[in-house]
Structure formats: C-alpha cells, structure tokens
PDB file of N, CA and C in Angstrom:
ATOM      1  N   MET A   1       0.818  -1.185   0.000  1.00  0.00           N
ATOM      2  CA  MET A   1       0.000   0.000   0.000  1.00  0.00           C
ATOM      3  C   MET A   1       0.868   1.257   0.000  1.00  0.00           C
ATOM      4  N   PRO A   2       1.698   1.428  -0.976  1.00  0.00           N
ATOM      5  CA  PRO A   2       2.600   2.584  -0.966  1.00  0.00           C
ATOM      6  C   PRO A   2       1.893   3.921  -1.149  1.00  0.00           C
ATOM      7  N   ARG A   3       0.674   3.913  -1.594  1.00  0.00           N
ATOM      8  CA  ARG A   3      -0.025   5.191  -1.826  1.00  0.00           C
ATOM      9  C   ARG A   3      -1.117   5.472  -0.795  1.00  0.00           C
ATOM     10  N   MET A   4      -1.128   4.721   0.279  1.00  0.00           N
ATOM     11  CA  MET A   4      -2.145   4.932   1.302  1.00  0.00           C
ATOM     12  C   MET A   4      -1.905   6.251   2.028  1.00  0.00           C
ATOM     13  N   VAL A   5      -2.971   6.980   2.229  1.00  0.00           N
ATOM     14  CA  VAL A   5      -2.928   8.198   3.038  1.00  0.00           C
ATOM     15  C   VAL A   5      -3.788   7.910   4.259  1.00  0.00           C
ATOM     16  N   LEU A   6      -3.127   7.793   5.395  1.00  0.00           N
ATOM     17  CA  LEU A   6      -3.768   7.359   6.628  1.00  0.00           C
ATOM     18  C   LEU A   6      -3.996   8.546   7.544  1.00  0.00           C
ATOM     19  N   ILE A   7      -5.162   8.579   8.164  1.00  0.00           N
ATOM     20  CA  ILE A   7      -5.447   9.576   9.186  1.00  0.00           C
ATOM     21  C   ILE A   7      -5.840   8.823  10.454  1.00  0.00           C
ATOM     22  N   ALA A   8      -5.328   9.280  11.579  1.00  0.00           N
ATOM     23  CA  ALA A   8      -5.659   8.689  12.871  1.00  0.00           C
ATOM     24  C   ALA A   8      -6.681   9.581  13.564  1.00  0.00           C
ATOM     25  N   LYS A   9      -7.699   8.957  14.095  1.00  0.00           N
ATOM     26  CA  LYS A   9      -8.746   9.697  14.810  1.00  0.00           C
ATOM     27  C   LYS A   9      -8.986   9.020  16.143  1.00  0.00           C
ATOM     28  N   ASN A  10      -9.013   9.799  17.222  1.00  0.00           N
ATOM     29  CA  ASN A  10      -9.443   9.267  18.503  1.00  0.00           C
ATOM     30  C   ASN A  10     -10.946   9.078  18.408  1.00  0.00           C
ATOM     31  N   SER A  11     -11.396   7.848  18.515  1.00  0.00           N
ATOM     32  CA  SER A  11     -12.802   7.555  18.241  1.00  0.00           C
ATOM     33  C   SER A  11     -13.757   8.302  19.169  1.00  0.00           C
ATOM     34  N   TYR A  12     -13.425   8.396  20.462  1.00  0.00           N
ATOM     35  CA  TYR A  12     -14.316   9.090  21.393  1.00  0.00           C
ATOM     36  C   TYR A  12     -14.433  10.573  21.051  1.00  0.00           C
ATOM     37  N   VAL A  13     -13.309  11.186  20.765  1.00  0.00           N
ATOM     38  CA  VAL A  13     -13.302  12.606  20.426  1.00  0.00           C
ATOM     39  C   VAL A  13     -14.034  12.834  19.110  1.00  0.00           C
ATOM     40  N   TRP A  14     -13.741  12.020  18.107  1.00  0.00           N
ATOM     41  CA  TRP A  14     -14.345  12.187  16.788  1.00  0.00           C
ATOM     42  C   TRP A  14     -15.857  12.003  16.845  1.00  0.00           C
ATOM     43  N   LEU A  15     -16.330  10.987  17.557  1.00  0.00           N
ATOM     44  CA  LEU A  15     -17.779  10.778  17.658  1.00  0.00           C
ATOM     45  C   LEU A  15     -18.449  11.964  18.355  1.00  0.00           C
ATOM     46  N   ASP A  16     -17.771  12.531  19.354  1.00  0.00           N
ATOM     47  CA  ASP A  16     -18.316  13.714  20.027  1.00  0.00           C
ATOM     48  C   ASP A  16     -18.353  14.906  19.067  1.00  0.00           C
ATOM     49  N   GLN A  17     -17.292  15.091  18.291  1.00  0.00           N
ATOM     50  CA  GLN A  17     -17.256  16.182  17.314  1.00  0.00           C
ATOM     51  C   GLN A  17     -18.350  16.013  16.262  1.00  0.00           C
ATOM     52  N   LEU A  18     -18.550  14.774  15.800  1.00  0.00           N
ATOM     53  CA  LEU A  18     -19.591  14.514  14.806  1.00  0.00           C
ATOM     54  C   LEU A  18     -20.976  14.766  15.391  1.00  0.00           C
ATOM     55  N   SER A  19     -21.173  14.386  16.648  1.00  0.00           N
ATOM     56  CA  SER A  19     -22.458  14.632  17.307  1.00  0.00           C
ATOM     57  C   SER A  19     -22.787  16.121  17.312  1.00  0.00           C
ATOM     58  N   LYS A  20     -21.792  16.928  17.598  1.00  0.00           N
ATOM     59  CA  LYS A  20     -21.997  18.383  17.616  1.00  0.00           C
ATOM     60  C   LYS A  20     -22.223  18.924  16.208  1.00  0.00           C
ATOM     61  N   ALA A  21     -21.430  18.449  15.265  1.00  0.00           N
ATOM     62  CA  ALA A  21     -21.532  18.954  13.895  1.00  0.00           C
ATOM     63  C   ALA A  21     -22.865  18.587  13.246  1.00  0.00           C
ATOM     64  N   TYR A  22     -23.347  17.381  13.523  1.00  0.00           N
ATOM     65  CA  TYR A  22     -24.598  16.916  12.905  1.00  0.00           C
ATOM     66  C   TYR A  22     -25.808  17.118  13.820  1.00  0.00           C
ATOM     67  N   GLN A  23     -25.572  17.689  14.992  1.00  0.00           N
ATOM     68  CA  GLN A  23     -26.622  18.021  15.961  1.00  0.00           C
ATOM     69  C   GLN A  23     -27.525  16.828  16.276  1.00  0.00           C
ATOM     70  N   ARG A  24     -26.875  15.670  16.467  1.00  0.00           N
ATOM     71  CA  ARG A  24     -27.580  14.468  16.915  1.00  0.00           C
ATOM     72  C   ARG A  24     -26.565  13.562  17.588  1.00  0.00           C
ATOM     73  N   ASP A  25     -27.059  12.649  18.381  1.00  0.00           N
ATOM     74  CA  ASP A  25     -26.190  11.753  19.121  1.00  0.00           C
ATOM     75  C   ASP A  25     -25.573  10.709  18.193  1.00  0.00           C
ATOM     76  N   ILE A  26     -24.253  10.703  18.101  1.00  0.00           N
ATOM     77  CA  ILE A  26     -23.519   9.718  17.311  1.00  0.00           C
ATOM     78  C   ILE A  26     -22.573   9.026  18.284  1.00  0.00           C
ATOM     79  N   ARG A  27     -22.889   7.794  18.639  1.00  0.00           N
ATOM     80  CA  ARG A  27     -22.110   7.064  19.648  1.00  0.00           C
ATOM     81  C   ARG A  27     -21.438   5.808  19.125  1.00  0.00           C
ATOM     82  N   THR A  28     -21.861   5.317  17.979  1.00  0.00           N
ATOM     83  CA  THR A  28     -21.287   4.084  17.448  1.00  0.00           C
ATOM     84  C   THR A  28     -20.809   4.318  16.018  1.00  0.00           C
ATOM     85  N   LEU A  29     -19.904   3.470  15.575  1.00  0.00           N
ATOM     86  CA  LEU A  29     -19.316   3.645  14.244  1.00  0.00           C
ATOM     87  C   LEU A  29     -20.353   3.557  13.138  1.00  0.00           C
ATOM     88  N   ASP A  30     -21.371   2.729  13.325  1.00  0.00           N
ATOM     89  CA  ASP A  30     -22.395   2.604  12.276  1.00  0.00           C
ATOM     90  C   ASP A  30     -23.271   3.844  12.168  1.00  0.00           C
ATOM     91  N   GLN A  31     -23.172   4.753  13.111  1.00  0.00           N
ATOM     92  CA  GLN A  31     -23.944   5.999  13.063  1.00  0.00           C
ATOM     93  C   GLN A  31     -23.187   7.137  12.375  1.00  0.00           C
ATOM     94  N   ILE A  32     -21.927   6.902  12.026  1.00  0.00           N
ATOM     95  CA  ILE A  32     -21.156   7.937  11.325  1.00  0.00           C
ATOM     96  C   ILE A  32     -21.794   8.162   9.959  1.00  0.00           C
ATOM     97  N   PRO A  33     -22.167   9.393   9.655  1.00  0.00           N
ATOM     98  CA  PRO A  33     -22.814   9.672   8.371  1.00  0.00           C
ATOM     99  C   PRO A  33     -21.902   9.343   7.187  1.00  0.00           C
ATOM    100  N   ASP A  34     -22.485   8.735   6.162  1.00  0.00           N
ATOM    101  CA  ASP A  34     -21.725   8.400   4.959  1.00  0.00           C
ATOM    102  C   ASP A  34     -21.069   9.637   4.360  1.00  0.00           C
ATOM    103  N   GLU A  35     -21.750  10.773   4.433  1.00  0.00           N
ATOM    104  CA  GLU A  35     -21.179  11.982   3.852  1.00  0.00           C
ATOM    105  C   GLU A  35     -19.885  12.400   4.552  1.00  0.00           C
ATOM    106  N   GLU A  36     -19.737  12.038   5.839  1.00  0.00           N
ATOM    107  CA  GLU A  36     -18.495  12.348   6.552  1.00  0.00           C
ATOM    108  C   GLU A  36     -17.350  11.479   6.019  1.00  0.00           C
ATOM    109  N   LEU A  37     -17.636  10.211   5.789  1.00  0.00           N
ATOM    110  CA  LEU A  37     -16.619   9.315   5.221  1.00  0.00           C
ATOM    111  C   LEU A  37     -16.294   9.721   3.784  1.00  0.00           C
ATOM    112  N   ASP A  38     -17.306  10.141   3.042  1.00  0.00           N
ATOM    113  CA  ASP A  38     -17.088  10.623   1.675  1.00  0.00           C
ATOM    114  C   ASP A  38     -16.215  11.879   1.673  1.00  0.00           C
ATOM    115  N   ARG A  39     -16.412  12.740   2.670  1.00  0.00           N
ATOM    116  CA  ARG A  39     -15.615  13.965   2.782  1.00  0.00           C
ATOM    117  C   ARG A  39     -14.140  13.618   3.006  1.00  0.00           C
ATOM    118  N   LEU A  40     -13.889  12.655   3.889  1.00  0.00           N
ATOM    119  CA  LEU A  40     -12.510  12.230   4.130  1.00  0.00           C
ATOM    120  C   LEU A  40     -11.894  11.651   2.861  1.00  0.00           C
ATOM    121  N   ALA A  41     -12.647  10.778   2.187  1.00  0.00           N
ATOM    122  CA  ALA A  41     -12.150  10.163   0.953  1.00  0.00           C
ATOM    123  C   ALA A  41     -11.911  11.225  -0.116  1.00  0.00           C
ATOM    124  N   GLY A  42     -12.788  12.206  -0.190  1.00  0.00           N
ATOM    125  CA  GLY A  42     -12.650  13.274  -1.178  1.00  0.00           C
ATOM    126  C   GLY A  42     -11.427  14.148  -0.951  1.00  0.00           C
ATOM    127  N   SER A  43     -10.958  14.170   0.294  1.00  0.00           N
ATOM    128  CA  SER A  43      -9.759  14.964   0.591  1.00  0.00           C
ATOM    129  C   SER A  43      -8.479  14.133   0.455  1.00  0.00           C
ATOM    130  N   GLY A  44      -8.625  12.915  -0.075  1.00  0.00           N
ATOM    131  CA  GLY A  44      -7.451  12.096  -0.341  1.00  0.00           C
ATOM    132  C   GLY A  44      -7.127  11.051   0.706  1.00  0.00           C
ATOM    133  N   ILE A  45      -7.924  10.971   1.760  1.00  0.00           N
ATOM    134  CA  ILE A  45      -7.694   9.977   2.811  1.00  0.00           C
ATOM    135  C   ILE A  45      -8.151   8.613   2.303  1.00  0.00           C
ATOM    136  N   SER A  46      -7.263   7.616   2.391  1.00  0.00           N
ATOM    137  CA  SER A  46      -7.625   6.280   1.928  1.00  0.00           C
ATOM    138  C   SER A  46      -7.608   5.247   3.055  1.00  0.00           C
ATOM    139  N   GLY A  47      -7.205   5.661   4.253  1.00  0.00           N
ATOM    140  CA  GLY A  47      -7.202   4.763   5.402  1.00  0.00           C
ATOM    141  C   GLY A  47      -7.548   5.510   6.665  1.00  0.00           C
ATOM    142  N   LEU A  48      -8.268   4.848   7.550  1.00  0.00           N
ATOM    143  CA  LEU A  48      -8.710   5.467   8.804  1.00  0.00           C
ATOM    144  C   LEU A  48      -8.272   4.575   9.959  1.00  0.00           C
ATOM    145  N   TRP A  49      -7.450   5.122  10.841  1.00  0.00           N
ATOM    146  CA  TRP A  49      -6.978   4.397  12.011  1.00  0.00           C
ATOM    147  C   TRP A  49      -7.740   4.961  13.205  1.00  0.00           C
ATOM    148  N   LEU A  50      -8.649   4.173  13.752  1.00  0.00           N
ATOM    149  CA  LEU A  50      -9.471   4.616  14.875  1.00  0.00           C
ATOM    150  C   LEU A  50      -8.799   4.219  16.181  1.00  0.00           C
ATOM    151  N   ILE A  51      -8.407   5.227  16.929  1.00  0.00           N
ATOM    152  CA  ILE A  51      -7.722   5.033  18.200  1.00  0.00           C
ATOM    153  C   ILE A  51      -8.769   4.970  19.313  1.00  0.00           C
ATOM    154  N   GLY A  52      -8.598   4.058  20.223  1.00  0.00           N
ATOM    155  CA  GLY A  52      -9.472   3.999  21.391  1.00  0.00           C
ATOM    156  C   GLY A  52     -10.670   3.103  21.234  1.00  0.00           C
ATOM    157  N   LEU A  53     -10.585   2.120  20.372  1.00  0.00           N
ATOM    158  CA  LEU A  53     -11.711   1.196  20.207  1.00  0.00           C
ATOM    159  C   LEU A  53     -11.583   0.050  21.205  1.00  0.00           C
ATOM    160  N   TRP A  54     -12.052   0.294  22.380  1.00  0.00           N
ATOM    161  CA  TRP A  54     -12.056  -0.730  23.412  1.00  0.00           C
ATOM    162  C   TRP A  54     -13.167  -0.402  24.387  1.00  0.00           C
ATOM    163  N   GLU A  55     -13.476  -1.346  25.215  1.00  0.00           N
ATOM    164  CA  GLU A  55     -14.461  -1.112  26.268  1.00  0.00           C
ATOM    165  C   GLU A  55     -13.694  -0.675  27.504  1.00  0.00           C
ATOM    166  N   ARG A  56     -14.060   0.455  28.042  1.00  0.00           N
ATOM    167  CA  ARG A  56     -13.358   0.973  29.207  1.00  0.00           C
ATOM    168  C   ARG A  56     -13.622   0.090  30.426  1.00  0.00           C
ATOM    169  N   SER A  57     -12.599  -0.069  31.222  1.00  0.00           N
ATOM    170  CA  SER A  57     -12.737  -0.827  32.462  1.00  0.00           C
ATOM    171  C   SER A  57     -13.456   0.027  33.501  1.00  0.00           C
ATOM    172  N   THR A  58     -13.896  -0.621  34.553  1.00  0.00           N
ATOM    173  CA  THR A  58     -14.542   0.108  35.650  1.00  0.00           C
ATOM    174  C   THR A  58     -13.576   1.140  36.224  1.00  0.00           C
ATOM    175  N   ALA A  59     -12.324   0.758  36.395  1.00  0.00           N
ATOM    176  CA  ALA A  59     -11.324   1.687  36.938  1.00  0.00           C
ATOM    177  C   ALA A  59     -11.133   2.889  36.017  1.00  0.00           C
ATOM    178  N   SER A  60     -11.100   2.650  34.713  1.00  0.00           N
ATOM    179  CA  SER A  60     -10.938   3.746  33.759  1.00  0.00           C
ATOM    180  C   SER A  60     -12.130   4.695  33.818  1.00  0.00           C
ATOM    181  N   ARG A  61     -13.335   4.151  33.887  1.00  0.00           N
ATOM    182  CA  ARG A  61     -14.533   5.003  33.982  1.00  0.00           C
ATOM    183  C   ARG A  61     -14.488   5.849  35.246  1.00  0.00           C
ATOM    184  N   GLN A  62     -14.107   5.226  36.357  1.00  0.00           N
ATOM    185  CA  GLN A  62     -14.047   5.959  37.623  1.00  0.00           C
ATOM    186  C   GLN A  62     -12.991   7.061  37.565  1.00  0.00           C
ATOM    187  N   MET A  63     -11.855   6.779  36.944  1.00  0.00           N
ATOM    188  CA  MET A  63     -10.806   7.798  36.821  1.00  0.00           C
ATOM    189  C   MET A  63     -11.290   8.975  35.978  1.00  0.00           C
ATOM    190  N   LYS A  64     -11.977   8.685  34.876  1.00  0.00           N
ATOM    191  CA  LYS A  64     -12.502   9.760  34.022  1.00  0.00           C
ATOM    192  C   LYS A  64     -13.488  10.618  34.797  1.00  0.00           C
ATOM    193  N   GLN A  65     -14.347   9.970  35.584  1.00  0.00           N
ATOM    194  CA  GLN A  65     -15.333  10.713  36.362  1.00  0.00           C
ATOM    195  C   GLN A  65     -14.642  11.568  37.416  1.00  0.00           C
ATOM    196  N   MET A  66     -13.628  11.023  38.075  1.00  0.00           N
ATOM    197  CA  MET A  66     -12.895  11.776  39.101  1.00  0.00           C
ATOM    198  C   MET A  66     -12.174  12.972  38.497  1.00  0.00           C
ATOM    199  N   MET A  67     -11.758  12.847  37.236  1.00  0.00           N
ATOM    200  CA  MET A  67     -11.042  13.938  36.566  1.00  0.00           C
ATOM    201  C   MET A  67     -12.004  14.952  35.956  1.00  0.00           C
ATOM    202  N   GLY A  68     -13.316  14.751  36.174  1.00  0.00           N
ATOM    203  CA  GLY A  68     -14.294  15.714  35.683  1.00  0.00           C
ATOM    204  C   GLY A  68     -14.657  15.531  34.227  1.00  0.00           C
ATOM    205  N   ASN A  69     -14.568  14.316  33.734  1.00  0.00           N
ATOM    206  CA  ASN A  69     -14.867  14.042  32.334  1.00  0.00           C
ATOM    207  C   ASN A  69     -15.905  12.922  32.224  1.00  0.00           C
ATOM    208  N   PRO A  70     -17.070  13.078  32.854  1.00  0.00           N
ATOM    209  CA  PRO A  70     -18.054  12.001  32.869  1.00  0.00           C
ATOM    210  C   PRO A  70     -18.619  11.666  31.497  1.00  0.00           C
ATOM    211  N   MET A  71     -18.612  12.615  30.549  1.00  0.00           N
ATOM    212  CA  MET A  71     -19.164  12.359  29.221  1.00  0.00           C
ATOM    213  C   MET A  71     -18.428  11.215  28.535  1.00  0.00           C
ATOM    214  N   LEU A  72     -17.113  11.206  28.631  1.00  0.00           N
ATOM    215  CA  LEU A  72     -16.321  10.172  27.978  1.00  0.00           C
ATOM    216  C   LEU A  72     -16.320   8.868  28.764  1.00  0.00           C
ATOM    217  N   SER A  73     -16.670   8.907  30.030  1.00  0.00           N
ATOM    218  CA  SER A  73     -16.541   7.720  30.856  1.00  0.00           C
ATOM    219  C   SER A  73     -17.578   6.654  30.559  1.00  0.00           C
ATOM    220  N   HIS A  74     -18.716   7.017  29.973  1.00  0.00           N
ATOM    221  CA  HIS A  74     -19.764   6.018  29.763  1.00  0.00           C
ATOM    222  C   HIS A  74     -19.872   5.552  28.318  1.00  0.00           C
ATOM    223  N   ARG A  75     -19.125   6.152  27.412  1.00  0.00           N
ATOM    224  CA  ARG A  75     -19.238   5.793  26.009  1.00  0.00           C
ATOM    225  C   ARG A  75     -18.527   4.485  25.725  1.00  0.00           C
ATOM    226  N   ARG A  76     -19.134   3.707  24.874  1.00  0.00           N
ATOM    227  CA  ARG A  76     -18.521   2.459  24.437  1.00  0.00           C
ATOM    228  C   ARG A  76     -18.698   2.347  22.948  1.00  0.00           C
ATOM    229  N   THR A  77     -17.642   1.956  22.267  1.00  0.00           N
ATOM    230  CA  THR A  77     -17.684   1.775  20.817  1.00  0.00           C
ATOM    231  C   THR A  77     -17.258   0.360  20.522  1.00  0.00           C
ATOM    232  N   ARG A  78     -18.067  -0.315  19.798  1.00  0.00           N
ATOM    233  CA  ARG A  78     -17.749  -1.703  19.461  1.00  0.00           C
ATOM    234  C   ARG A  78     -17.742  -1.891  17.989  1.00  0.00           C
TER     235      ARG A  78
END
C-alpha cells in the first residue's frame, strides 16, 4: 500500500465532534454519516486508524469521572 494516506482519529473525540456537527447523538461507528466518510475520501484519505476502540474498564470510567470528564466515561464503541 505505498499510496495509502492514513489519518488517525481518537474515536471518542471524533464521535463527540460529529455529534456536535450533525446536531444528533452519534455514539457508534455505524452511526457515522456516509457523507463524513465521503468527505474524508474526497480529501485524499484512503485509510482510517481509529484510536481507542475498546471497552473501558470500571477503573478507567471511575478515573474519568474523578477527573471531571463524565461524558467520555460512559461511552462504548464496538
């Protein structure tokens, strides 16, 4: 794949940004609008590396809540 153009996206952050941009709740990968993927492809992106695709542990959720970030603590992407 010598011509691949890869972009890395933190999945939690990106889904939150998309939710705001599209003014609706986007919490899972299947809810990402096709037009958003088309926009990335149209700008020359041919690969998407999604960072943070895991289920948070109880300890991780508690740490996020203690740090004042409860919004990210309950999201799960599968």
